[in-house]
Amino acid sequence: MKLKRSFISIAIIAAVLLCALAGCSPAGNVSQPDKSAITEGVMTTSVDNDSKPTSPVSTSFAPDTPAIYCSFKVSGVTAEDLVKASWYYVKGEAVGKENELLDEIYTSAQAGDQGYYLAFYKHMPAGGWYKGSYKVVLSVNNTEKLTVPFEVK
């Protein structure tokens, strides 16, 4: 009987050690460190097929600008990751609209080791853009990575 208990104890200890060496966790999965990054965020009025700016980069736009683009570089993502741009009106002539979320745009990431460019855009609202400060908050899987400010004068 003692021999049987000893064998079971050794088997349990061996299983725990093997699991630890193999990277097991009690929950069944180990969260991987977030390696995603968003860099080189700029604002512009047009981009090419690779989402890189084709017009001058700017931080200031006119109220009648037809569309404003946010171009940026994404790296360290997988096909399961979700990239999001949240467009905010921060403050300015539109009283009562401070820090208002204007739009959220999502896309699935592209897998691969190399970084690539993405661009999200927002068309001019009816009546033109409010004069004031804006920002685009760029996120991967709802984790904020970069904020790109701009203004309309």
C-alpha atoms as a PDB file:
ATOM      1  CA  MET A   1       0.000   0.000   0.000  1.00  0.00           C
ATOM      2  CA  LYS A   2       2.839   2.400   0.873  1.00  0.00           C
ATOM      3  CA  LEU A   3       4.521   1.588  -2.427  1.00  0.00           C
ATOM      4  CA  LYS A   4       1.324   2.395  -4.329  1.00  0.00           C
ATOM      5  CA  ARG A   5       0.982   5.806  -2.565  1.00  0.00           C
ATOM      6  CA  SER A   6       4.614   6.615  -3.247  1.00  0.00           C
ATOM      7  CA  PHE A   7       4.178   5.768  -6.913  1.00  0.00           C
ATOM      8  CA  ILE A   8       1.069   7.998  -7.169  1.00  0.00           C
ATOM      9  CA  SER A   9       2.879  10.859  -5.385  1.00  0.00           C
ATOM     10  CA  ILE A  10       5.861  10.567  -7.736  1.00  0.00           C
ATOM     11  CA  ALA A  11       3.536  10.463 -10.757  1.00  0.00           C
ATOM     12  CA  ILE A  12       1.747  13.643  -9.618  1.00  0.00           C
ATOM     13  CA  ILE A  13       5.020  15.468  -8.958  1.00  0.00           C
ATOM     14  CA  ALA A  14       6.356  14.375 -12.363  1.00  0.00           C
ATOM     15  CA  ALA A  15       3.169  15.577 -14.108  1.00  0.00           C
ATOM     16  CA  VAL A  16       3.373  18.979 -12.400  1.00  0.00           C
ATOM     17  CA  LEU A  17       7.048  19.369 -13.332  1.00  0.00           C
ATOM     18  CA  LEU A  18       6.416  18.338 -16.942  1.00  0.00           C
ATOM     19  CA  CYS A  19       3.547  20.777 -17.192  1.00  0.00           C
ATOM     20  CA  ALA A  20       5.694  23.581 -15.764  1.00  0.00           C
ATOM     21  CA  LEU A  21       8.510  22.825 -18.184  1.00  0.00           C
ATOM     22  CA  ALA A  22       6.076  22.713 -21.113  1.00  0.00           C
ATOM     23  CA  GLY A  23       4.649  26.130 -20.203  1.00  0.00           C
ATOM     24  CA  CYS A  24       1.276  24.906 -18.953  1.00  0.00           C
ATOM     25  CA  SER A  25      -0.804  26.991 -16.632  1.00  0.00           C
ATOM     26  CA  PRO A  26      -3.779  26.065 -14.478  1.00  0.00           C
ATOM     27  CA  ALA A  27      -6.057  28.156 -16.695  1.00  0.00           C
ATOM     28  CA  GLY A  28      -4.903  26.325 -19.815  1.00  0.00           C
ATOM     29  CA  ASN A  29      -3.293  29.236 -21.614  1.00  0.00           C
ATOM     30  CA  VAL A  30      -0.600  31.746 -20.903  1.00  0.00           C
ATOM     31  CA  SER A  31      -1.154  35.254 -22.154  1.00  0.00           C
ATOM     32  CA  GLN A  32       1.590  36.336 -24.478  1.00  0.00           C
ATOM     33  CA  PRO A  33       3.209  39.739 -24.063  1.00  0.00           C
ATOM     34  CA  ASP A  34       1.753  42.436 -26.283  1.00  0.00           C
ATOM     35  CA  LYS A  35       4.293  43.047 -29.051  1.00  0.00           C
ATOM     36  CA  SER A  36       2.014  45.217 -31.171  1.00  0.00           C
ATOM     37  CA  ALA A  37       3.025  48.776 -31.958  1.00  0.00           C
ATOM     38  CA  ILE A  38       1.652  51.741 -33.859  1.00  0.00           C
ATOM     39  CA  THR A  39       4.182  54.369 -34.911  1.00  0.00           C
ATOM     40  CA  GLU A  40       4.689  57.140 -37.464  1.00  0.00           C
ATOM     41  CA  GLY A  41       1.151  58.496 -37.070  1.00  0.00           C
ATOM     42  CA  VAL A  42       0.505  61.564 -39.240  1.00  0.00           C
ATOM     43  CA  MET A  43      -2.465  63.494 -40.568  1.00  0.00           C
ATOM     44  CA  THR A  44      -2.910  64.288 -44.270  1.00  0.00           C
ATOM     45  CA  THR A  45      -5.551  64.795 -46.975  1.00  0.00           C
ATOM     46  CA  SER A  46      -4.693  61.823 -49.208  1.00  0.00           C
ATOM     47  CA  VAL A  47      -2.838  58.494 -49.183  1.00  0.00           C
ATOM     48  CA  ASP A  48      -1.605  56.013 -51.796  1.00  0.00           C
ATOM     49  CA  ASN A  49      -2.498  52.320 -52.147  1.00  0.00           C
ATOM     50  CA  ASP A  50       0.017  51.497 -49.392  1.00  0.00           C
ATOM     51  CA  SER A  51      -1.691  53.989 -47.018  1.00  0.00           C
ATOM     52  CA  LYS A  52       1.294  56.368 -47.108  1.00  0.00           C
ATOM     53  CA  PRO A  53       0.613  60.117 -47.429  1.00  0.00           C
ATOM     54  CA  THR A  54       0.552  61.542 -50.965  1.00  0.00           C
ATOM     55  CA  SER A  55      -0.205  65.096 -49.852  1.00  0.00           C
ATOM     56  CA  PRO A  56       1.754  67.134 -47.325  1.00  0.00           C
ATOM     57  CA  VAL A  57       1.600  65.964 -43.714  1.00  0.00           C
ATOM     58  CA  SER A  58      -0.081  68.561 -41.517  1.00  0.00           C
ATOM     59  CA  THR A  59      -1.476  69.165 -38.069  1.00  0.00           C
ATOM     60  CA  SER A  60      -3.838  71.900 -39.248  1.00  0.00           C
ATOM     61  CA  PHE A  61      -6.721  71.761 -41.752  1.00  0.00           C
ATOM     62  CA  ALA A  62      -9.398  74.128 -43.103  1.00  0.00           C
ATOM     63  CA  PRO A  63     -13.069  73.713 -42.109  1.00  0.00           C
ATOM     64  CA  ASP A  64     -13.909  72.778 -45.730  1.00  0.00           C
ATOM     65  CA  THR A  65     -11.320  69.965 -46.055  1.00  0.00           C
ATOM     66  CA  PRO A  66     -13.242  67.136 -47.833  1.00  0.00           C
ATOM     67  CA  ALA A  67     -11.557  64.294 -45.933  1.00  0.00           C
ATOM     68  CA  ILE A  68      -8.809  63.983 -43.337  1.00  0.00           C
ATOM     69  CA  TYR A  69      -6.645  60.847 -43.183  1.00  0.00           C
ATOM     70  CA  CYS A  70      -4.628  59.405 -40.335  1.00  0.00           C
ATOM     71  CA  SER A  71      -1.747  57.321 -41.754  1.00  0.00           C
ATOM     72  CA  PHE A  72       0.376  55.151 -39.453  1.00  0.00           C
ATOM     73  CA  LYS A  73       2.644  52.117 -39.286  1.00  0.00           C
ATOM     74  CA  VAL A  74       1.493  48.894 -37.596  1.00  0.00           C
ATOM     75  CA  SER A  75       3.908  46.189 -36.456  1.00  0.00           C
ATOM     76  CA  GLY A  76       3.995  43.143 -34.199  1.00  0.00           C
ATOM     77  CA  VAL A  77       0.394  42.140 -34.878  1.00  0.00           C
ATOM     78  CA  THR A  78      -1.282  38.881 -35.865  1.00  0.00           C
ATOM     79  CA  ALA A  79      -4.302  38.167 -38.058  1.00  0.00           C
ATOM     80  CA  GLU A  80      -6.400  37.856 -34.879  1.00  0.00           C
ATOM     81  CA  ASP A  81      -5.638  41.431 -33.791  1.00  0.00           C
ATOM     82  CA  LEU A  82      -8.078  44.290 -34.298  1.00  0.00           C
ATOM     83  CA  VAL A  83      -6.821  47.789 -35.143  1.00  0.00           C
ATOM     84  CA  LYS A  84      -9.104  50.694 -34.226  1.00  0.00           C
ATOM     85  CA  ALA A  85      -9.123  54.445 -34.830  1.00  0.00           C
ATOM     86  CA  SER A  86     -11.287  56.569 -32.520  1.00  0.00           C
ATOM     87  CA  TRP A  87     -11.858  60.120 -33.815  1.00  0.00           C
ATOM     88  CA  TYR A  88     -12.568  62.774 -31.162  1.00  0.00           C
ATOM     89  CA  TYR A  89     -13.504  66.422 -31.208  1.00  0.00           C
ATOM     90  CA  VAL A  90     -11.519  67.708 -28.206  1.00  0.00           C
ATOM     91  CA  LYS A  91     -12.531  71.366 -27.868  1.00  0.00           C
ATOM     92  CA  GLY A  92     -13.153  74.558 -29.793  1.00  0.00           C
ATOM     93  CA  GLU A  93     -16.063  76.508 -31.218  1.00  0.00           C
ATOM     94  CA  ALA A  94     -18.634  73.717 -30.731  1.00  0.00           C
ATOM     95  CA  VAL A  95     -19.782  74.353 -27.169  1.00  0.00           C
ATOM     96  CA  GLY A  96     -21.018  71.276 -25.320  1.00  0.00           C
ATOM     97  CA  LYS A  97     -19.221  68.863 -27.648  1.00  0.00           C
ATOM     98  CA  GLU A  98     -15.904  68.750 -25.777  1.00  0.00           C
ATOM     99  CA  ASN A  99     -14.204  65.327 -25.928  1.00  0.00           C
ATOM    100  CA  GLU A 100     -17.006  63.962 -28.111  1.00  0.00           C
ATOM    101  CA  LEU A 101     -16.402  60.655 -29.889  1.00  0.00           C
ATOM    102  CA  LEU A 102     -17.098  61.318 -33.577  1.00  0.00           C
ATOM    103  CA  ASP A 103     -16.442  57.904 -35.056  1.00  0.00           C
ATOM    104  CA  GLU A 104     -14.733  54.552 -34.490  1.00  0.00           C
ATOM    105  CA  ILE A 105     -13.290  52.591 -37.387  1.00  0.00           C
ATOM    106  CA  TYR A 106     -12.013  49.003 -37.108  1.00  0.00           C
ATOM    107  CA  THR A 107     -10.036  46.641 -39.311  1.00  0.00           C
ATOM    108  CA  SER A 108      -8.404  43.256 -38.878  1.00  0.00           C
ATOM    109  CA  ALA A 109      -4.628  43.285 -38.744  1.00  0.00           C
ATOM    110  CA  GLN A 110      -2.437  41.583 -41.330  1.00  0.00           C
ATOM    111  CA  ALA A 111      -0.177  38.843 -40.033  1.00  0.00           C
ATOM    112  CA  GLY A 112       3.538  39.028 -40.710  1.00  0.00           C
ATOM    113  CA  ASP A 113       6.812  40.050 -39.202  1.00  0.00           C
ATOM    114  CA  GLN A 114       7.197  43.194 -41.292  1.00  0.00           C
ATOM    115  CA  GLY A 115       5.389  46.360 -40.318  1.00  0.00           C
ATOM    116  CA  TYR A 116       2.951  47.933 -42.756  1.00  0.00           C
ATOM    117  CA  TYR A 117       1.009  51.161 -43.139  1.00  0.00           C
ATOM    118  CA  LEU A 118      -2.689  51.660 -42.573  1.00  0.00           C
ATOM    119  CA  ALA A 119      -4.830  54.740 -42.980  1.00  0.00           C
ATOM    120  CA  PHE A 120      -8.244  55.618 -41.624  1.00  0.00           C
ATOM    121  CA  TYR A 121     -10.142  58.662 -42.821  1.00  0.00           C
ATOM    122  CA  LYS A 122     -13.131  60.749 -41.918  1.00  0.00           C
ATOM    123  CA  HIS A 123     -15.210  62.699 -44.426  1.00  0.00           C
ATOM    124  CA  MET A 124     -16.069  66.302 -43.711  1.00  0.00           C
ATOM    125  CA  PRO A 125     -19.306  66.496 -41.703  1.00  0.00           C
ATOM    126  CA  ALA A 126     -22.297  68.293 -43.232  1.00  0.00           C
ATOM    127  CA  GLY A 127     -21.661  71.992 -42.768  1.00  0.00           C
ATOM    128  CA  GLY A 128     -17.888  71.522 -42.460  1.00  0.00           C
ATOM    129  CA  TRP A 129     -15.517  70.673 -39.659  1.00  0.00           C
ATOM    130  CA  TYR A 130     -15.915  72.570 -36.385  1.00  0.00           C
ATOM    131  CA  LYS A 131     -12.956  74.809 -35.689  1.00  0.00           C
ATOM    132  CA  GLY A 132     -10.944  73.457 -32.803  1.00  0.00           C
ATOM    133  CA  SER A 133      -8.763  70.613 -31.579  1.00  0.00           C
ATOM    134  CA  TYR A 134      -9.211  66.980 -32.592  1.00  0.00           C
ATOM    135  CA  LYS A 135      -7.391  63.720 -31.980  1.00  0.00           C
ATOM    136  CA  VAL A 136      -7.298  60.216 -33.382  1.00  0.00           C
ATOM    137  CA  VAL A 137      -6.618  57.494 -30.806  1.00  0.00           C
ATOM    138  CA  LEU A 138      -5.109  54.388 -32.408  1.00  0.00           C
ATOM    139  CA  SER A 139      -5.510  51.049 -30.603  1.00  0.00           C
ATOM    140  CA  VAL A 140      -4.754  47.363 -31.029  1.00  0.00           C
ATOM    141  CA  ASN A 141      -7.253  45.059 -29.324  1.00  0.00           C
ATOM    142  CA  ASN A 142      -8.606  48.058 -27.383  1.00  0.00           C
ATOM    143  CA  THR A 143      -5.162  48.877 -25.977  1.00  0.00           C
ATOM    144  CA  GLU A 144      -4.254  52.465 -26.809  1.00  0.00           C
ATOM    145  CA  LYS A 145      -0.987  52.684 -28.755  1.00  0.00           C
ATOM    146  CA  LEU A 146      -0.768  56.201 -30.193  1.00  0.00           C
ATOM    147  CA  THR A 147      -2.689  59.474 -30.176  1.00  0.00           C
ATOM    148  CA  VAL A 148      -2.395  61.791 -33.180  1.00  0.00           C
ATOM    149  CA  PRO A 149      -3.662  65.346 -32.548  1.00  0.00           C
ATOM    150  CA  PHE A 150      -4.720  67.849 -35.225  1.00  0.00           C
ATOM    151  CA  GLU A 151      -6.712  71.045 -35.475  1.00  0.00           C
ATOM    152  CA  VAL A 152      -9.134  72.763 -37.776  1.00  0.00           C
ATOM    153  CA  LYS A 153      -8.673  76.529 -38.194  1.00  0.00           C
END
